[in-house]
Amino acid sequence: MATYTVGVDFGTQSGRAVLVEVGTGSEVATAVKAYPHGVIDDVLPDGVTQLEEDWALQHPADYLEVLQKTIPELLQQSGVSKDDVIGIGIDFTSCTMLPVDADGTPLCMTEAFRHNPHSYVKLWKHHAAQDEANRLNAIAEERGEAFLKRYGGKISSEWLIPKIWQILNEAPDVYEASAHMLEAGDWVVSQLTGVIKRNSCATGYKAIWHKREGYPSREFFKALDPRLEHVVEEKLSETIYPIGTKAGEITEEAAKLTGLNPGTAVAVANVDAHVSVPAVGITEPGKLLMIMGTSTCHVLLGEDEKVVPGMCGVVEDGVIPGYFGYEAGQACVGDHFEWLIKNAVPERYMQEAEAKGIGIHQLLTEKASRLSAGESGLLALDWWNGNRSTLVDADLTGLLIGATLWTRPEDIYRALMEATAYGTRMIVETFREAGVPVNEVYACGGIAEKNPLMMQIYADVLNMEIKISASPQAPALGAAMFGAVAAGKERGGYDSITEAAQDMAKLKDEVFRPQPEHVPVYDQLYREYATLYDYFGRGSNDVMKTLKRLKREASEQKVNEPC
């Protein structure tokens, strides 16, 4: 008799759930629920409290609504009985964190704090803790903290400790009221199982935790701020649970929420990018996976712990047990194209797309596909949302060079595609130079699924073949596979994620191969990109930061001016 497992992928704008047949990886049903509150980056749900620049929040009630809506829909669509569902796994963007009280209630859902922005979920792309990140990095470097090398020499403003420190600095009452500072993925799992279990993936990559050494010392946290000396004991936990283990089982209350049986196995939470690796069948070193969407995360396995400049982290057993998992990333990929469409595409293009019965993205892609390598005359730096790897600097901004009065939207669209490909090549070459092999490239996510032009550009820029996930929901598939592992072989699942990947991973037959006529052109353009990358990103010219500072000062002055 067939058994099934559920995977839920909590993304930036929505939650996506799949029901997967154990043994075959067949996705028998899919459901998507947009977050009612979306990304909160302007004003809180109270409609009054304004947010500053670089803030990005979410409302945790949206996550519960995803579970409440999508899982019953999966069962209804498929006709599968809840009795045949053996496990559930979830993955989450990271670091996406929130403060909760001793009962696990998010502080933003209490009357005392619902008007305080710091009580809400801080999304992964919340960059308002950059000052704290800068100070953390400076102090860690002064002290010679060994952990910095494992994170490419810098801790990002996106990560847990800078975000916690920002809360302490700007809302000490929220800090004091919190019993736990949790990854959102761990909070959702706690709502399913009734117990808080912090996962090793997010903790290792985003919270400066090491499997053998634990967190940084009390002395380090005290050097940051005396109030942080006991942050691990007071707000975090030394008890970390490996990915691939069972967090618990569905409680009676969670059964009413989800429609699943009480006692259904629940996997320890995982990070969206990392959980996708076994979903495409990667269980060994040398194979790089690009998870491409709003941003792109690059994940790679290695046999040894190497120091790679600007990487997001290396964590033992962080992706597949038995290997070191390396992570790098680009903070702005799909967001580039949304920015362009919202701000720089003329009405006549919208009308043309409507007349053809296609979306504006498809129209721009079609127009951009008619251009050869170099034909746009443009070169861009892909830093519209800062640089995650290899510079780890959220204060960097975008650049477009070569524009003329004849530049068209499709020229810019293609240049932005190419810029993200150059950014990936910079990451690949940095890994190789550090002694971490990259022999094969895989891709998954919405862009990889829907945009063949972009994948061809990546193949040309990297001069490598690219294999594509056959699942349009690779993170959710990977999460479902971990759900099957949580259930274990005795319940019809698996005893390891490697075994699950052998049966359930899926790739398309189509492979993108480099076009020989484009490779030398892109080699030349990449060299120019690398020159601009160093010039604007490594301190030769800080004009981007100067402009950002002047913008902030002008905005503050305007706010403070009397009416």
Protein backbone atom coordinates (compact mmCIF):
# COMPACT_ATOMS: atom_id res chain seq x y z
CA MET A 1 0.00 0.00 0.00
CA ALA A 2 1.34 3.46 -0.89
CA THR A 3 2.42 5.83 1.84
CA TYR A 4 2.86 9.58 1.60
CA THR A 5 4.70 12.45 3.18
CA VAL A 6 4.04 16.19 3.27
CA GLY A 7 6.60 18.93 2.65
CA VAL A 8 5.90 22.60 3.32
CA ASP A 9 8.22 25.27 1.96
CA PHE A 10 7.85 28.64 3.71
CA GLY A 11 9.16 31.21 1.25
CA THR A 12 9.37 34.99 1.14
CA GLN A 13 5.87 35.67 -0.18
CA SER A 14 3.98 32.41 0.32
CA GLY A 15 3.96 28.88 1.66
CA ARG A 16 3.96 25.94 -0.77
CA ALA A 17 2.99 22.42 0.23
CA VAL A 18 3.34 19.12 -1.64
CA LEU A 19 2.05 15.64 -0.98
CA VAL A 20 4.64 13.14 -2.16
CA GLU A 21 4.48 9.39 -2.63
CA VAL A 22 7.19 7.67 -0.64
CA GLY A 23 9.40 5.47 -2.81
CA THR A 24 8.77 7.22 -6.12
CA GLY A 25 8.96 10.94 -5.30
CA SER A 26 5.77 11.46 -7.30
CA GLU A 27 4.12 14.74 -6.30
CA VAL A 28 0.45 13.85 -6.19
CA ALA A 29 -0.84 17.24 -5.04
CA THR A 30 0.40 20.81 -4.61
CA ALA A 31 -1.10 23.76 -2.77
CA VAL A 32 0.07 27.36 -2.39
CA LYS A 33 -1.06 30.00 0.09
CA ALA A 34 0.11 33.61 -0.14
CA TYR A 35 0.87 35.26 3.18
CA PRO A 36 -2.04 37.61 3.98
CA HIS A 37 0.35 40.19 5.45
CA GLY A 38 3.02 39.63 2.78
CA VAL A 39 6.39 41.21 3.46
CA ILE A 40 5.91 44.04 5.95
CA ASP A 41 8.40 46.70 4.90
CA ASP A 42 6.47 49.96 5.09
CA VAL A 43 3.96 50.03 7.94
CA LEU A 44 2.91 47.51 10.62
CA PRO A 45 -0.47 45.76 10.37
CA ASP A 46 -1.81 48.39 12.80
CA GLY A 47 -1.72 50.78 9.83
CA VAL A 48 0.05 53.40 11.92
CA THR A 49 3.56 52.35 12.89
CA GLN A 50 5.97 53.27 10.11
CA LEU A 51 9.10 51.23 9.39
CA GLU A 52 12.50 52.61 8.51
CA GLU A 53 14.56 51.75 5.44
CA ASP A 54 16.03 48.22 5.21
CA TRP A 55 13.33 46.68 7.39
CA ALA A 56 11.57 43.47 6.28
CA LEU A 57 9.11 41.79 8.64
CA GLN A 58 6.45 39.11 8.55
CA HIS A 59 3.51 38.07 10.72
CA PRO A 60 3.73 34.56 12.23
CA ALA A 61 -0.03 34.05 12.02
CA ASP A 62 0.48 33.77 8.26
CA TYR A 63 2.56 30.62 8.74
CA LEU A 64 -0.20 28.89 10.68
CA GLU A 65 -2.69 29.87 7.99
CA VAL A 66 -0.46 28.18 5.40
CA LEU A 67 -0.66 24.93 7.36
CA GLN A 68 -4.39 25.32 7.92
CA LYS A 69 -5.19 25.94 4.25
CA THR A 70 -2.67 23.92 2.23
CA ILE A 71 -2.52 20.57 3.98
CA PRO A 72 -6.27 19.86 3.92
CA GLU A 73 -6.24 21.01 0.29
CA LEU A 74 -3.54 18.42 -0.51
CA LEU A 75 -5.65 15.64 0.94
CA GLN A 76 -8.80 16.85 -0.81
CA GLN A 77 -7.08 17.21 -4.20
CA SER A 78 -5.45 13.80 -4.08
CA GLY A 79 -8.09 11.74 -2.31
CA VAL A 80 -5.31 10.35 -0.11
CA SER A 81 -6.36 9.38 3.39
CA LYS A 82 -4.62 11.06 6.30
CA ASP A 83 -4.05 7.53 7.60
CA ASP A 84 -1.56 6.99 4.76
CA VAL A 85 0.49 10.12 5.56
CA ILE A 86 3.49 9.01 7.62
CA GLY A 87 5.43 12.25 8.06
CA ILE A 88 5.76 15.98 7.50
CA GLY A 89 8.82 18.16 7.04
CA ILE A 90 9.13 21.91 6.67
CA ASP A 91 11.77 24.26 5.37
CA PHE A 92 12.14 27.99 5.85
CA THR A 93 13.98 31.03 4.62
CA SER A 94 16.82 31.84 7.04
CA CYS A 95 17.71 33.69 9.08
CA THR A 96 14.04 34.51 9.64
CA MET A 97 13.58 34.93 13.37
CA LEU A 98 11.14 36.06 16.04
CA PRO A 99 10.97 36.65 19.79
CA VAL A 100 8.46 34.52 21.72
CA ASP A 101 7.38 34.30 25.35
CA ALA A 102 7.71 31.28 27.64
CA ASP A 103 4.57 29.71 26.16
CA GLY A 104 5.90 30.09 22.61
CA THR A 105 3.53 32.95 21.78
CA PRO A 106 5.11 35.48 19.40
CA LEU A 107 5.38 38.83 21.14
CA CYS A 108 3.80 40.60 18.17
CA MET A 109 0.63 38.61 18.90
CA THR A 110 0.36 40.07 22.41
CA GLU A 111 -1.41 43.33 23.14
CA ALA A 112 1.64 44.74 24.92
CA PHE A 113 3.88 44.59 21.85
CA ARG A 114 1.70 44.54 18.73
CA HIS A 115 2.73 48.14 17.92
CA ASN A 116 6.47 47.45 18.33
CA PRO A 117 8.23 46.47 15.08
CA HIS A 118 10.88 44.51 16.98
CA SER A 119 8.26 42.06 18.25
CA TYR A 120 7.53 40.81 14.73
CA VAL A 121 9.30 38.24 12.58
CA LYS A 122 12.49 39.65 11.09
CA LEU A 123 12.64 38.21 7.59
CA TRP A 124 15.90 36.97 6.10
CA LYS A 125 16.26 40.16 4.05
CA HIS A 126 15.86 42.48 7.03
CA HIS A 127 19.10 44.48 6.74
CA ALA A 128 18.51 47.10 9.43
CA ALA A 129 20.96 45.32 11.75
CA GLN A 130 23.93 46.27 9.55
CA ASP A 131 25.42 48.54 12.24
CA GLU A 132 25.34 45.66 14.70
CA ALA A 133 26.89 43.33 12.12
CA ASN A 134 29.68 45.82 11.43
CA ARG A 135 30.46 46.16 15.12
CA LEU A 136 30.30 42.42 15.66
CA ASN A 137 32.76 41.80 12.83
CA ALA A 138 35.15 44.48 14.05
CA ILE A 139 35.17 43.14 17.61
CA ALA A 140 35.52 39.53 16.45
CA GLU A 141 38.45 40.50 14.24
CA GLU A 142 40.14 42.46 17.04
CA ARG A 143 39.80 39.47 19.36
CA GLY A 144 41.01 37.01 16.72
CA GLU A 145 37.85 34.93 16.95
CA ALA A 146 38.38 31.71 15.00
CA PHE A 147 34.74 31.41 13.99
CA LEU A 148 35.00 34.32 11.53
CA LYS A 149 36.96 32.19 9.07
CA ARG A 150 34.12 29.68 8.88
CA TYR A 151 31.84 32.46 7.63
CA GLY A 152 34.11 33.94 5.01
CA GLY A 153 35.48 36.61 7.33
CA LYS A 154 32.18 38.41 8.05
CA ILE A 155 28.92 37.78 9.82
CA SER A 156 25.97 39.12 7.81
CA SER A 157 23.35 41.57 9.01
CA GLU A 158 20.82 38.95 7.88
CA TRP A 159 21.86 36.55 10.63
CA LEU A 160 20.59 35.81 14.10
CA ILE A 161 23.05 37.52 16.45
CA PRO A 162 23.01 40.96 14.73
CA LYS A 163 19.20 40.83 14.68
CA ILE A 164 19.05 39.92 18.37
CA TRP A 165 21.51 42.71 19.19
CA GLN A 166 19.42 45.20 17.23
CA ILE A 167 16.39 44.22 19.31
CA LEU A 168 18.39 44.70 22.49
CA ASN A 169 19.67 48.11 21.35
CA GLU A 170 16.44 49.52 20.01
CA ALA A 171 13.73 47.70 21.98
CA PRO A 172 15.18 46.40 25.27
CA ASP A 173 11.67 45.81 26.59
CA VAL A 174 11.06 43.32 23.75
CA TYR A 175 14.39 41.66 24.49
CA GLU A 176 13.59 41.32 28.19
CA ALA A 177 10.08 40.00 27.54
CA SER A 178 11.30 37.27 25.21
CA ALA A 179 11.97 33.79 26.57
CA HIS A 180 13.35 32.52 23.25
CA MET A 181 14.76 34.07 20.08
CA LEU A 182 13.73 31.47 17.52
CA GLU A 183 14.19 30.68 13.87
CA ALA A 184 10.72 30.81 12.33
CA GLY A 185 11.13 27.24 11.09
CA ASP A 186 11.74 26.00 14.62
CA TRP A 187 8.73 27.97 15.84
CA VAL A 188 6.44 26.37 13.24
CA VAL A 189 7.70 22.90 14.19
CA SER A 190 7.00 23.74 17.84
CA GLN A 191 3.42 24.58 16.87
CA LEU A 192 3.11 21.13 15.31
CA THR A 193 4.79 19.14 18.10
CA GLY A 194 4.38 21.21 21.25
CA VAL A 195 8.15 21.31 21.87
CA ILE A 196 10.91 23.69 20.80
CA LYS A 197 13.79 21.97 19.02
CA ARG A 198 16.39 24.12 17.30
CA ASN A 199 17.71 22.67 14.05
CA SER A 200 21.42 22.29 13.35
CA CYS A 201 21.23 23.71 9.83
CA ALA A 202 19.92 27.20 10.64
CA THR A 203 21.85 27.31 13.92
CA GLY A 204 25.10 26.38 12.21
CA TYR A 205 24.79 28.69 9.22
CA LYS A 206 23.01 31.65 10.78
CA ALA A 207 23.71 31.64 14.53
CA ILE A 208 27.52 31.11 14.71
CA TRP A 209 27.13 27.62 16.20
CA HIS A 210 29.69 24.87 15.57
CA LYS A 211 29.03 21.14 15.97
CA ARG A 212 32.25 20.62 17.97
CA GLU A 213 32.76 24.02 19.60
CA GLY A 214 29.21 25.29 20.17
CA TYR A 215 28.49 29.03 20.21
CA PRO A 216 31.16 31.71 20.66
CA SER A 217 32.27 32.23 24.24
CA ARG A 218 30.52 34.30 26.91
CA GLU A 219 33.55 36.56 26.82
CA PHE A 220 32.91 37.34 23.18
CA PHE A 221 29.26 38.17 23.74
CA LYS A 222 30.22 40.30 26.74
CA ALA A 223 32.73 42.15 24.55
CA LEU A 224 29.89 42.93 22.14
CA ASP A 225 27.65 44.19 24.92
CA PRO A 226 27.66 43.27 28.64
CA ARG A 227 23.91 42.65 28.38
CA LEU A 228 24.62 39.85 25.86
CA GLU A 229 27.02 37.90 28.08
CA HIS A 230 24.43 35.19 28.84
CA VAL A 231 22.43 35.41 25.62
CA VAL A 232 22.94 31.71 24.84
CA GLU A 233 21.57 30.55 28.19
CA GLU A 234 18.84 33.18 28.37
CA LYS A 235 17.54 33.41 24.77
CA LEU A 236 19.03 30.50 22.81
CA SER A 237 19.96 26.92 23.74
CA GLU A 238 23.00 24.67 23.75
CA THR A 239 20.80 21.72 22.75
CA ILE A 240 20.72 21.52 18.96
CA TYR A 241 19.03 18.77 16.93
CA PRO A 242 20.56 17.39 13.71
CA ILE A 243 18.65 17.66 10.47
CA GLY A 244 17.16 14.33 9.46
CA THR A 245 16.00 13.60 13.00
CA LYS A 246 12.49 13.48 14.35
CA ALA A 247 11.36 16.60 16.21
CA GLY A 248 8.23 14.95 17.57
CA GLU A 249 4.72 14.08 16.46
CA ILE A 250 1.59 15.99 15.50
CA THR A 251 -0.30 17.02 18.64
CA GLU A 252 -4.09 16.91 19.03
CA GLU A 253 -4.21 20.69 18.54
CA ALA A 254 -1.99 20.56 15.45
CA ALA A 255 -4.13 17.73 14.06
CA LYS A 256 -7.15 20.05 14.16
CA LEU A 257 -5.12 22.75 12.42
CA THR A 258 -3.68 20.58 9.64
CA GLY A 259 -6.10 17.70 9.18
CA LEU A 260 -3.32 15.16 9.78
CA ASN A 261 -3.49 12.39 12.37
CA PRO A 262 -2.11 12.95 15.84
CA GLY A 263 1.14 11.01 16.10
CA THR A 264 2.28 11.75 12.52
CA ALA A 265 6.07 12.14 12.53
CA VAL A 266 7.46 15.69 12.24
CA ALA A 267 11.01 16.31 11.05
CA VAL A 268 13.33 18.85 12.61
CA ALA A 269 13.07 22.08 10.59
CA ASN A 270 15.49 22.80 7.77
CA VAL A 271 16.59 25.75 5.61
CA ASP A 272 14.98 26.12 2.18
CA ALA A 273 18.17 26.11 0.16
CA HIS A 274 19.81 23.23 1.98
CA VAL A 275 16.79 20.96 1.96
CA SER A 276 16.73 21.21 -1.84
CA VAL A 277 20.08 19.45 -2.22
CA PRO A 278 18.83 15.85 -1.80
CA ALA A 279 15.73 16.75 -3.83
CA VAL A 280 17.93 16.92 -6.96
CA GLY A 281 19.89 13.83 -5.94
CA ILE A 282 23.06 15.51 -4.65
CA THR A 283 24.55 13.43 -1.85
CA GLU A 284 28.27 13.80 -2.57
CA PRO A 285 30.90 16.57 -2.99
CA GLY A 286 31.71 18.59 -6.12
CA LYS A 287 28.11 19.33 -7.14
CA LEU A 288 26.87 22.90 -6.72
CA LEU A 289 23.14 23.58 -6.40
CA MET A 290 21.70 27.02 -7.18
CA ILE A 291 18.32 27.63 -5.56
CA MET A 292 17.03 30.50 -7.67
CA GLY A 293 14.17 32.81 -6.80
CA THR A 294 13.87 36.18 -5.11
CA SER A 295 17.48 35.59 -4.13
CA THR A 296 19.83 32.73 -4.97
CA CYS A 297 21.51 30.42 -2.51
CA HIS A 298 24.45 28.26 -3.57
CA VAL A 299 25.05 25.03 -1.68
CA LEU A 300 27.98 22.68 -2.12
CA LEU A 301 29.30 19.62 -0.27
CA GLY A 302 32.94 19.11 0.65
CA GLU A 303 34.98 16.48 2.42
CA ASP A 304 37.03 18.94 4.50
CA GLU A 305 36.48 22.22 6.30
CA LYS A 306 38.12 24.90 4.13
CA VAL A 307 38.33 28.65 4.55
CA VAL A 308 36.51 30.28 1.62
CA PRO A 309 36.52 34.10 1.47
CA GLY A 310 33.07 35.59 1.72
CA MET A 311 31.16 32.34 2.02
CA CYS A 312 28.02 32.36 4.15
CA GLY A 313 29.29 29.43 6.16
CA VAL A 314 30.59 25.90 6.34
CA VAL A 315 28.80 23.52 8.68
CA GLU A 316 29.63 19.92 9.44
CA ASP A 317 26.59 17.73 8.62
CA GLY A 318 24.81 20.96 7.70
CA VAL A 319 23.30 19.59 4.49
CA ILE A 320 24.04 15.87 4.17
CA PRO A 321 25.36 13.88 7.16
CA GLY A 322 29.00 12.96 6.74
CA TYR A 323 30.02 16.02 4.72
CA PHE A 324 30.77 19.68 5.25
CA GLY A 325 28.06 21.82 3.70
CA TYR A 326 29.18 25.12 2.15
CA GLU A 327 26.79 28.00 1.53
CA ALA A 328 27.12 31.18 -0.49
CA GLY A 329 24.45 33.44 -1.92
CA GLN A 330 23.23 36.42 -3.90
CA ALA A 331 20.75 38.70 -2.14
CA CYS A 332 19.03 40.00 -5.28
CA VAL A 333 18.07 37.87 -8.28
CA GLY A 334 14.34 37.68 -8.97
CA ASP A 335 13.98 40.95 -7.07
CA HIS A 336 15.98 42.65 -9.86
CA PHE A 337 13.33 41.89 -12.42
CA GLU A 338 10.45 42.94 -10.15
CA TRP A 339 12.22 46.26 -9.55
CA LEU A 340 12.61 46.83 -13.29
CA ILE A 341 9.01 46.02 -14.10
CA LYS A 342 7.61 48.17 -11.31
CA ASN A 343 9.79 51.18 -12.02
CA ALA A 344 11.26 51.20 -15.53
CA VAL A 345 8.99 49.48 -18.05
CA PRO A 346 6.82 51.81 -20.18
CA GLU A 347 3.09 51.40 -20.54
CA ARG A 348 3.39 50.40 -24.21
CA TYR A 349 5.24 47.23 -23.15
CA MET A 350 2.44 46.37 -20.76
CA GLN A 351 -0.07 46.89 -23.52
CA GLU A 352 1.93 44.71 -25.92
CA ALA A 353 2.09 41.90 -23.38
CA GLU A 354 -1.65 42.16 -22.78
CA ALA A 355 -2.36 42.13 -26.51
CA LYS A 356 -0.29 38.96 -26.91
CA GLY A 357 -1.94 37.35 -23.90
CA ILE A 358 1.33 36.87 -22.04
CA GLY A 359 2.90 38.25 -18.88
CA ILE A 360 5.34 41.14 -18.89
CA HIS A 361 8.18 38.88 -17.73
CA GLN A 362 7.59 36.60 -20.69
CA LEU A 363 7.51 39.53 -23.10
CA LEU A 364 10.80 40.94 -21.80
CA THR A 365 12.37 37.49 -21.88
CA GLU A 366 11.33 37.02 -25.51
CA LYS A 367 12.77 40.40 -26.46
CA ALA A 368 15.97 39.79 -24.46
CA SER A 369 16.44 36.37 -26.08
CA ARG A 370 16.88 38.06 -29.47
CA LEU A 371 20.04 39.75 -28.21
CA SER A 372 23.43 38.10 -28.48
CA ALA A 373 26.05 38.15 -25.74
CA GLY A 374 27.31 41.74 -25.43
CA GLU A 375 24.66 43.20 -27.71
CA SER A 376 22.89 45.17 -24.99
CA GLY A 377 26.00 47.29 -24.46
CA LEU A 378 25.34 47.13 -20.73
CA LEU A 379 27.06 45.74 -17.66
CA ALA A 380 25.53 45.62 -14.19
CA LEU A 381 26.54 44.84 -10.64
CA ASP A 382 23.89 42.66 -9.02
CA TRP A 383 23.79 44.46 -5.66
CA TRP A 384 20.31 46.02 -5.64
CA ASN A 385 19.79 44.32 -2.26
CA GLY A 386 23.42 44.37 -1.11
CA ASN A 387 26.10 41.72 -1.60
CA ARG A 388 25.87 38.47 0.35
CA SER A 389 28.85 36.64 -1.21
CA THR A 390 31.72 37.20 -1.50
CA LEU A 391 31.81 40.72 -0.02
CA VAL A 392 29.16 40.25 2.71
CA ASP A 393 28.08 43.89 2.69
CA ALA A 394 24.42 44.90 2.73
CA ASP A 395 25.37 48.57 2.27
CA LEU A 396 26.47 48.01 -1.34
CA THR A 397 23.98 49.00 -4.03
CA GLY A 398 23.29 48.29 -7.69
CA LEU A 399 25.13 49.61 -10.72
CA LEU A 400 24.21 49.80 -14.41
CA ILE A 401 26.88 51.04 -16.80
CA GLY A 402 26.77 51.60 -20.56
CA ALA A 403 23.25 53.05 -20.83
CA THR A 404 22.49 55.42 -23.72
CA LEU A 405 19.44 57.12 -25.16
CA TRP A 406 18.91 53.96 -27.21
CA THR A 407 18.87 51.60 -24.21
CA ARG A 408 15.63 49.63 -24.01
CA PRO A 409 13.97 47.74 -21.13
CA GLU A 410 14.92 44.38 -22.65
CA ASP A 411 18.58 45.48 -22.73
CA ILE A 412 18.45 46.18 -19.01
CA TYR A 413 16.49 42.98 -18.36
CA ARG A 414 19.17 40.89 -20.05
CA ALA A 415 21.99 42.84 -18.38
CA LEU A 416 20.50 42.06 -14.98
CA MET A 417 20.26 38.37 -15.89
CA GLU A 418 23.90 38.43 -16.95
CA ALA A 419 24.92 40.28 -13.78
CA THR A 420 23.47 37.53 -11.58
CA ALA A 421 25.33 34.95 -13.68
CA TYR A 422 28.60 36.85 -13.20
CA GLY A 423 27.89 36.93 -9.46
CA THR A 424 27.51 33.16 -9.46
CA ARG A 425 30.74 32.76 -11.43
CA MET A 426 32.54 34.91 -8.84
CA ILE A 427 31.29 32.52 -6.15
CA VAL A 428 32.27 29.41 -8.11
CA GLU A 429 35.78 30.70 -8.81
CA THR A 430 36.21 31.68 -5.16
CA PHE A 431 35.29 28.15 -4.05
CA ARG A 432 37.74 26.62 -6.51
CA GLU A 433 40.56 28.94 -5.49
CA ALA A 434 39.99 27.89 -1.86
CA GLY A 435 40.32 24.21 -2.74
CA VAL A 436 36.62 23.27 -2.78
CA PRO A 437 35.89 21.58 -6.14
CA VAL A 438 32.91 22.56 -8.29
CA ASN A 439 32.59 19.94 -11.02
CA GLU A 440 28.86 20.00 -11.77
CA VAL A 441 26.11 22.62 -11.52
CA TYR A 442 22.43 22.04 -10.75
CA ALA A 443 19.56 24.51 -10.43
CA CYS A 444 16.09 24.57 -8.94
CA GLY A 445 13.46 27.14 -8.03
CA GLY A 446 11.04 29.27 -9.98
CA ILE A 447 13.60 30.88 -12.28
CA ALA A 448 15.27 27.59 -13.15
CA GLU A 449 11.86 26.10 -13.84
CA LYS A 450 10.42 28.92 -15.95
CA ASN A 451 13.20 30.87 -17.65
CA PRO A 452 15.33 28.88 -20.13
CA LEU A 453 17.02 32.05 -21.41
CA MET A 454 18.44 32.79 -17.98
CA MET A 455 19.66 29.23 -17.53
CA GLN A 456 21.34 29.35 -20.95
CA ILE A 457 23.08 32.59 -19.98
CA TYR A 458 24.34 30.92 -16.79
CA ALA A 459 25.66 27.95 -18.77
CA ASP A 460 27.46 30.34 -21.14
CA VAL A 461 28.91 32.51 -18.36
CA LEU A 462 30.04 29.55 -16.25
CA ASN A 463 31.05 27.52 -19.32
CA MET A 464 29.48 24.50 -17.63
CA GLU A 465 26.46 22.28 -18.17
CA ILE A 466 23.50 22.96 -15.89
CA LYS A 467 21.04 20.28 -14.80
CA ILE A 468 17.54 21.31 -13.71
CA SER A 469 15.31 19.91 -10.98
CA ALA A 470 12.28 18.12 -12.35
CA SER A 471 10.24 19.36 -9.41
CA PRO A 472 8.89 22.91 -9.54
CA GLN A 473 8.81 22.72 -5.75
CA ALA A 474 12.26 21.31 -4.94
CA PRO A 475 12.47 22.71 -1.38
CA ALA A 476 9.04 21.31 -0.53
CA LEU A 477 10.01 17.96 -2.08
CA GLY A 478 13.21 17.93 -0.03
CA ALA A 479 11.25 18.78 3.12
CA ALA A 480 8.86 15.93 2.36
CA MET A 481 11.82 13.57 1.98
CA PHE A 482 13.05 14.60 5.43
CA GLY A 483 9.51 13.93 6.68
CA ALA A 484 9.86 10.37 5.39
CA VAL A 485 13.20 10.07 7.19
CA ALA A 486 11.59 11.33 10.42
CA ALA A 487 9.00 8.56 10.10
CA GLY A 488 11.73 5.95 9.65
CA LYS A 489 11.74 2.65 7.80
CA GLU A 490 9.49 0.97 10.35
CA ARG A 491 6.65 3.33 9.42
CA GLY A 492 7.28 3.03 5.69
CA GLY A 493 9.87 5.80 5.33
CA TYR A 494 13.67 5.80 5.30
CA ASP A 495 16.48 5.60 7.80
CA SER A 496 18.64 8.21 6.02
CA ILE A 497 18.25 11.10 3.61
CA THR A 498 20.76 9.45 1.26
CA GLU A 499 18.42 6.45 0.90
CA ALA A 500 15.46 8.76 0.34
CA ALA A 501 17.34 10.70 -2.36
CA GLN A 502 18.10 7.51 -4.28
CA ASP A 503 14.38 6.82 -4.69
CA MET A 504 12.69 10.21 -4.61
CA ALA A 505 15.02 12.81 -6.21
CA LYS A 506 14.11 14.06 -9.70
CA LEU A 507 15.93 15.82 -12.56
CA LYS A 508 14.71 16.95 -15.97
CA ASP A 509 16.08 15.28 -19.08
CA GLU A 510 16.90 18.73 -20.48
CA VAL A 511 20.45 19.97 -19.83
CA PHE A 512 21.68 23.50 -20.64
CA ARG A 513 25.07 23.41 -22.39
CA PRO A 514 27.40 26.35 -23.11
CA GLN A 515 27.15 27.94 -26.56
CA PRO A 516 30.73 28.15 -27.89
CA GLU A 517 30.14 31.47 -29.67
CA HIS A 518 28.99 33.16 -26.44
CA VAL A 519 31.62 31.84 -24.03
CA PRO A 520 34.54 34.11 -25.09
CA VAL A 521 32.31 37.21 -25.10
CA TYR A 522 31.11 36.43 -21.59
CA ASP A 523 34.67 35.75 -20.47
CA GLN A 524 35.55 39.30 -21.50
CA LEU A 525 32.44 40.79 -19.89
CA TYR A 526 33.11 38.84 -16.70
CA ARG A 527 36.60 40.31 -16.45
CA GLU A 528 35.06 43.78 -16.66
CA TYR A 529 32.49 42.76 -14.02
CA ALA A 530 35.30 41.55 -11.74
CA THR A 531 37.09 44.91 -12.11
CA LEU A 532 33.95 46.82 -11.12
CA TYR A 533 33.31 44.28 -8.35
CA ASP A 534 36.66 45.01 -6.73
CA TYR A 535 36.58 48.77 -7.38
CA PHE A 536 33.18 49.42 -5.80
CA GLY A 537 33.09 46.49 -3.39
CA ARG A 538 36.50 46.45 -1.73
CA GLY A 539 36.92 50.09 -0.71
CA SER A 540 38.56 51.72 -3.72
CA ASN A 541 35.45 53.83 -4.21
CA ASP A 542 32.79 54.00 -1.49
CA VAL A 543 30.42 56.13 -3.55
CA MET A 544 27.59 53.61 -3.03
CA LYS A 545 27.81 53.97 0.73
CA THR A 546 28.15 57.73 0.47
CA LEU A 547 24.99 57.96 -1.63
CA LYS A 548 23.13 55.71 0.78
CA ARG A 549 24.24 57.85 3.74
CA LEU A 550 23.23 61.09 2.03
CA LYS A 551 19.85 59.61 1.15
CA ARG A 552 19.26 58.58 4.76
CA GLU A 553 20.33 61.96 6.11
CA ALA A 554 18.09 63.82 3.66
CA SER A 555 15.13 61.61 4.59
CA GLU A 556 15.74 62.13 8.30
CA GLN A 557 16.00 65.89 7.83
CA LYS A 558 12.72 65.96 5.92
CA VAL A 559 10.98 63.96 8.67
CA ASN A 560 12.29 66.32 11.35
CA GLU A 561 11.35 69.51 9.51
CA PRO A 562 8.38 71.35 11.05
CA CYS A 563 5.17 71.24 9.04
